[in-house]
Amino acid sequence: MSKTVRIGVARAKATLSSVLRSAEKQPVVIQSRGRDIGAVVSMDDYLLLKDATAKAGGAGFLARVAELKKQHGGGVDLEVPPMKLTPERPDFGRR
């Protein structure tokens, strides 16, 4: 893994084309007064990050399952009928 490149805002502005070319290989961190304020990343990395963010949690898991079903030609959709529960009187050990 290559070392992260850090450059100042003024240099990033002056060499934007170079920064964009570098970002295709590795992220470029932009600094202002010695503090990291942003990063330029490749489009591939951006799409991976965006996809990972969008698919976080249970909704993401379900979306991934739907993608896999499409990709592999099917799967099983289950419709579970609602349960009908009838409460019973509690038995406190009395006879």
N, C-alpha and C. Protein backbone atom coordinates (compact mmCIF):
# COMPACT_ATOMS: atom_id res chain seq x y z
N MET A 1 0.86 -1.19 0.00
CA MET A 1 0.00 0.00 0.00
C MET A 1 0.89 1.24 0.00
N SER A 2 0.58 2.19 -0.84
CA SER A 2 1.40 3.40 -0.92
C SER A 2 1.05 4.38 0.18
N LYS A 3 2.02 5.22 0.46
CA LYS A 3 1.84 6.24 1.49
C LYS A 3 0.83 7.27 1.00
N THR A 4 0.00 7.76 1.92
CA THR A 4 -0.98 8.78 1.58
C THR A 4 -0.28 10.08 1.21
N VAL A 5 -0.74 10.67 0.12
CA VAL A 5 -0.19 11.95 -0.33
C VAL A 5 -1.00 13.07 0.31
N ARG A 6 -0.32 14.04 0.90
CA ARG A 6 -0.97 15.20 1.50
C ARG A 6 -0.41 16.45 0.85
N ILE A 7 -1.32 17.34 0.45
CA ILE A 7 -0.87 18.60 -0.15
C ILE A 7 -1.74 19.73 0.38
N GLY A 8 -1.22 20.93 0.32
CA GLY A 8 -1.96 22.10 0.76
C GLY A 8 -2.99 22.53 -0.27
N VAL A 9 -3.94 23.34 0.19
CA VAL A 9 -5.03 23.82 -0.67
C VAL A 9 -4.48 24.59 -1.87
N ALA A 10 -3.54 25.50 -1.65
CA ALA A 10 -3.01 26.33 -2.74
C ALA A 10 -2.36 25.45 -3.81
N ARG A 11 -1.58 24.45 -3.38
CA ARG A 11 -0.93 23.56 -4.35
C ARG A 11 -1.98 22.73 -5.08
N ALA A 12 -3.01 22.27 -4.37
CA ALA A 12 -4.07 21.48 -5.01
C ALA A 12 -4.78 22.30 -6.08
N LYS A 13 -5.05 23.56 -5.77
CA LYS A 13 -5.71 24.44 -6.75
C LYS A 13 -4.82 24.66 -7.97
N ALA A 14 -3.54 24.87 -7.73
CA ALA A 14 -2.62 25.17 -8.82
C ALA A 14 -2.31 23.95 -9.70
N THR A 15 -2.46 22.76 -9.14
CA THR A 15 -2.09 21.54 -9.88
C THR A 15 -3.25 20.54 -9.92
N LEU A 16 -4.45 21.04 -10.11
CA LEU A 16 -5.65 20.18 -10.05
C LEU A 16 -5.55 18.97 -10.99
N SER A 17 -5.10 19.15 -12.21
CA SER A 17 -4.99 18.03 -13.15
C SER A 17 -4.09 16.94 -12.60
N SER A 18 -2.97 17.35 -12.04
CA SER A 18 -2.03 16.39 -11.45
C SER A 18 -2.64 15.69 -10.24
N VAL A 19 -3.37 16.44 -9.42
CA VAL A 19 -4.03 15.86 -8.25
C VAL A 19 -5.03 14.79 -8.69
N LEU A 20 -5.80 15.08 -9.73
CA LEU A 20 -6.79 14.12 -10.23
C LEU A 20 -6.12 12.86 -10.78
N ARG A 21 -5.02 13.01 -11.49
CA ARG A 21 -4.28 11.84 -12.00
C ARG A 21 -3.73 11.01 -10.85
N SER A 22 -3.21 11.68 -9.83
CA SER A 22 -2.67 10.97 -8.66
C SER A 22 -3.77 10.22 -7.92
N ALA A 23 -4.96 10.81 -7.86
CA ALA A 23 -6.07 10.20 -7.13
C ALA A 23 -6.52 8.89 -7.78
N GLU A 24 -6.23 8.72 -9.07
CA GLU A 24 -6.57 7.44 -9.71
C GLU A 24 -5.75 6.30 -9.13
N LYS A 25 -4.57 6.62 -8.56
CA LYS A 25 -3.69 5.59 -8.00
C LYS A 25 -3.84 5.46 -6.49
N GLN A 26 -4.07 6.60 -5.82
CA GLN A 26 -4.19 6.62 -4.35
C GLN A 26 -4.90 7.89 -3.94
N PRO A 27 -5.57 7.86 -2.78
CA PRO A 27 -6.24 9.09 -2.32
C PRO A 27 -5.24 10.22 -2.08
N VAL A 28 -5.67 11.44 -2.34
CA VAL A 28 -4.86 12.63 -2.09
C VAL A 28 -5.60 13.45 -1.04
N VAL A 29 -4.95 13.65 0.10
CA VAL A 29 -5.56 14.40 1.20
C VAL A 29 -5.18 15.87 1.05
N ILE A 30 -6.18 16.74 1.13
CA ILE A 30 -5.97 18.18 1.02
C ILE A 30 -5.92 18.75 2.45
N GLN A 31 -4.90 19.58 2.70
CA GLN A 31 -4.73 20.17 4.02
C GLN A 31 -4.84 21.69 3.96
N SER A 32 -5.30 22.24 5.08
CA SER A 32 -5.30 23.69 5.26
C SER A 32 -4.72 23.96 6.64
N ARG A 33 -3.64 24.70 6.65
CA ARG A 33 -2.95 25.03 7.90
C ARG A 33 -2.59 23.78 8.70
N GLY A 34 -2.15 22.74 7.98
CA GLY A 34 -1.69 21.52 8.63
C GLY A 34 -2.80 20.57 9.06
N ARG A 35 -4.03 20.91 8.75
CA ARG A 35 -5.18 20.07 9.16
C ARG A 35 -5.81 19.45 7.92
N ASP A 36 -6.07 18.14 7.96
CA ASP A 36 -6.73 17.46 6.85
C ASP A 36 -8.16 17.97 6.74
N ILE A 37 -8.53 18.45 5.54
CA ILE A 37 -9.88 18.99 5.37
C ILE A 37 -10.69 18.28 4.29
N GLY A 38 -10.04 17.47 3.49
CA GLY A 38 -10.77 16.77 2.44
C GLY A 38 -9.87 15.77 1.75
N ALA A 39 -10.47 15.01 0.83
CA ALA A 39 -9.69 14.03 0.09
C ALA A 39 -10.24 13.93 -1.33
N VAL A 40 -9.34 13.68 -2.26
CA VAL A 40 -9.72 13.41 -3.64
C VAL A 40 -9.44 11.93 -3.85
N VAL A 41 -10.47 11.20 -4.29
CA VAL A 41 -10.33 9.76 -4.50
C VAL A 41 -10.74 9.41 -5.93
N SER A 42 -10.32 8.24 -6.38
CA SER A 42 -10.68 7.79 -7.72
C SER A 42 -12.19 7.55 -7.79
N MET A 43 -12.72 7.55 -8.98
CA MET A 43 -14.15 7.29 -9.16
C MET A 43 -14.50 5.88 -8.67
N ASP A 44 -13.63 4.91 -8.92
CA ASP A 44 -13.88 3.54 -8.44
C ASP A 44 -13.99 3.50 -6.92
N ASP A 45 -13.05 4.18 -6.23
CA ASP A 45 -13.11 4.22 -4.77
C ASP A 45 -14.36 4.94 -4.28
N TYR A 46 -14.71 6.02 -4.96
CA TYR A 46 -15.90 6.78 -4.59
C TYR A 46 -17.15 5.90 -4.70
N LEU A 47 -17.27 5.16 -5.81
CA LEU A 47 -18.45 4.30 -5.99
C LEU A 47 -18.50 3.19 -4.96
N LEU A 48 -17.33 2.63 -4.61
CA LEU A 48 -17.29 1.61 -3.55
C LEU A 48 -17.75 2.18 -2.21
N LEU A 49 -17.26 3.36 -1.88
CA LEU A 49 -17.65 4.01 -0.62
C LEU A 49 -19.14 4.34 -0.61
N LYS A 50 -19.62 4.86 -1.73
CA LYS A 50 -21.03 5.22 -1.83
C LYS A 50 -21.90 3.98 -1.68
N ASP A 51 -21.52 2.90 -2.35
CA ASP A 51 -22.28 1.65 -2.29
C ASP A 51 -22.27 1.08 -0.87
N ALA A 52 -21.10 1.10 -0.22
CA ALA A 52 -20.99 0.56 1.13
C ALA A 52 -21.84 1.38 2.10
N THR A 53 -21.87 2.68 1.92
CA THR A 53 -22.67 3.55 2.79
C THR A 53 -24.16 3.30 2.58
N ALA A 54 -24.54 3.16 1.33
CA ALA A 54 -25.96 2.96 1.02
C ALA A 54 -26.46 1.61 1.51
N LYS A 55 -25.57 0.64 1.62
CA LYS A 55 -26.00 -0.70 1.97
C LYS A 55 -25.71 -1.07 3.42
N ALA A 56 -25.54 -0.10 4.26
CA ALA A 56 -25.30 -0.39 5.66
C ALA A 56 -26.59 -0.83 6.32
N GLY A 57 -26.50 -1.74 7.28
CA GLY A 57 -27.66 -2.15 8.05
C GLY A 57 -28.51 -3.21 7.37
N GLY A 58 -29.67 -3.48 7.96
CA GLY A 58 -30.57 -4.52 7.48
C GLY A 58 -31.09 -4.26 6.08
N ALA A 59 -31.38 -3.01 5.78
CA ALA A 59 -31.89 -2.69 4.44
C ALA A 59 -30.84 -3.01 3.39
N GLY A 60 -29.59 -2.76 3.71
CA GLY A 60 -28.51 -3.09 2.79
C GLY A 60 -28.39 -4.59 2.57
N PHE A 61 -28.56 -5.35 3.64
CA PHE A 61 -28.51 -6.80 3.53
C PHE A 61 -29.62 -7.30 2.62
N LEU A 62 -30.83 -6.79 2.81
CA LEU A 62 -31.95 -7.20 1.98
C LEU A 62 -31.76 -6.80 0.53
N ALA A 63 -31.18 -5.63 0.30
CA ALA A 63 -30.90 -5.19 -1.07
C ALA A 63 -29.88 -6.13 -1.72
N ARG A 64 -28.88 -6.52 -0.95
CA ARG A 64 -27.85 -7.44 -1.48
C ARG A 64 -28.46 -8.79 -1.81
N VAL A 65 -29.36 -9.28 -0.96
CA VAL A 65 -30.05 -10.55 -1.23
C VAL A 65 -30.84 -10.44 -2.54
N ALA A 66 -31.54 -9.33 -2.74
CA ALA A 66 -32.31 -9.12 -3.97
C ALA A 66 -31.38 -9.11 -5.18
N GLU A 67 -30.21 -8.47 -5.06
CA GLU A 67 -29.24 -8.46 -6.16
C GLU A 67 -28.77 -9.87 -6.49
N LEU A 68 -28.48 -10.66 -5.45
CA LEU A 68 -28.01 -12.02 -5.67
C LEU A 68 -29.09 -12.88 -6.31
N LYS A 69 -30.33 -12.67 -5.92
CA LYS A 69 -31.43 -13.42 -6.53
C LYS A 69 -31.52 -13.12 -8.02
N LYS A 70 -31.40 -11.84 -8.37
CA LYS A 70 -31.42 -11.44 -9.79
C LYS A 70 -30.25 -12.07 -10.54
N GLN A 71 -29.08 -11.97 -9.93
CA GLN A 71 -27.85 -12.44 -10.56
C GLN A 71 -27.87 -13.94 -10.81
N HIS A 72 -28.49 -14.69 -9.90
CA HIS A 72 -28.47 -16.15 -9.99
C HIS A 72 -29.81 -16.74 -10.42
N GLY A 73 -30.69 -15.91 -10.92
CA GLY A 73 -31.92 -16.40 -11.52
C GLY A 73 -32.97 -16.90 -10.55
N GLY A 74 -33.22 -16.20 -9.50
CA GLY A 74 -34.35 -16.59 -8.66
C GLY A 74 -34.07 -16.57 -7.20
N GLY A 75 -34.68 -17.49 -6.56
CA GLY A 75 -34.66 -17.55 -5.11
C GLY A 75 -36.06 -17.86 -4.66
N VAL A 76 -36.28 -17.78 -3.42
CA VAL A 76 -37.60 -18.11 -2.88
C VAL A 76 -38.14 -16.90 -2.13
N ASP A 77 -39.35 -16.52 -2.49
CA ASP A 77 -40.04 -15.48 -1.74
C ASP A 77 -41.07 -16.17 -0.85
N LEU A 78 -40.99 -15.95 0.40
CA LEU A 78 -41.91 -16.58 1.33
C LEU A 78 -42.95 -15.58 1.79
N GLU A 79 -44.18 -16.04 1.83
CA GLU A 79 -45.24 -15.25 2.45
C GLU A 79 -45.68 -16.01 3.68
N VAL A 80 -45.40 -15.46 4.80
CA VAL A 80 -45.74 -16.11 6.07
C VAL A 80 -47.07 -15.57 6.55
N PRO A 81 -48.05 -16.47 6.74
CA PRO A 81 -49.34 -15.98 7.22
C PRO A 81 -49.22 -15.45 8.64
N PRO A 82 -50.02 -14.45 8.99
CA PRO A 82 -49.94 -13.91 10.34
C PRO A 82 -50.37 -14.97 11.36
N MET A 83 -49.74 -14.94 12.50
CA MET A 83 -50.08 -15.89 13.56
C MET A 83 -51.26 -15.35 14.35
N LYS A 84 -52.15 -16.27 14.73
CA LYS A 84 -53.27 -15.90 15.58
C LYS A 84 -53.00 -16.47 16.97
N LEU A 85 -52.75 -15.58 17.89
CA LEU A 85 -52.44 -15.99 19.25
C LEU A 85 -53.64 -15.75 20.15
N THR A 86 -53.94 -16.75 20.95
CA THR A 86 -55.02 -16.61 21.92
C THR A 86 -54.41 -16.68 23.31
N PRO A 87 -54.55 -15.62 24.09
CA PRO A 87 -53.96 -15.65 25.43
C PRO A 87 -54.70 -16.64 26.33
N GLU A 88 -53.94 -17.30 27.18
CA GLU A 88 -54.53 -18.22 28.16
C GLU A 88 -54.41 -17.62 29.54
N ARG A 89 -55.25 -18.08 30.45
CA ARG A 89 -55.16 -17.63 31.84
C ARG A 89 -53.88 -18.17 32.43
N PRO A 90 -53.17 -17.37 33.17
CA PRO A 90 -51.95 -17.87 33.79
C PRO A 90 -52.24 -18.86 34.90
N ASP A 91 -51.40 -19.86 34.99
CA ASP A 91 -51.53 -20.87 36.06
C ASP A 91 -50.48 -20.54 37.12
N PHE A 92 -50.97 -20.08 38.28
CA PHE A 92 -50.05 -19.72 39.37
C PHE A 92 -49.86 -20.86 40.33
N GLY A 93 -50.05 -22.06 39.88
CA GLY A 93 -49.84 -23.23 40.74
C GLY A 93 -51.04 -23.57 41.60
N ARG A 94 -52.17 -22.93 41.39
CA ARG A 94 -53.38 -23.25 42.15
C ARG A 94 -54.10 -24.41 41.50
N ARG A 95 -54.71 -25.19 42.33
CA ARG A 95 -55.49 -26.32 41.82
C ARG A 95 -56.89 -26.21 42.29
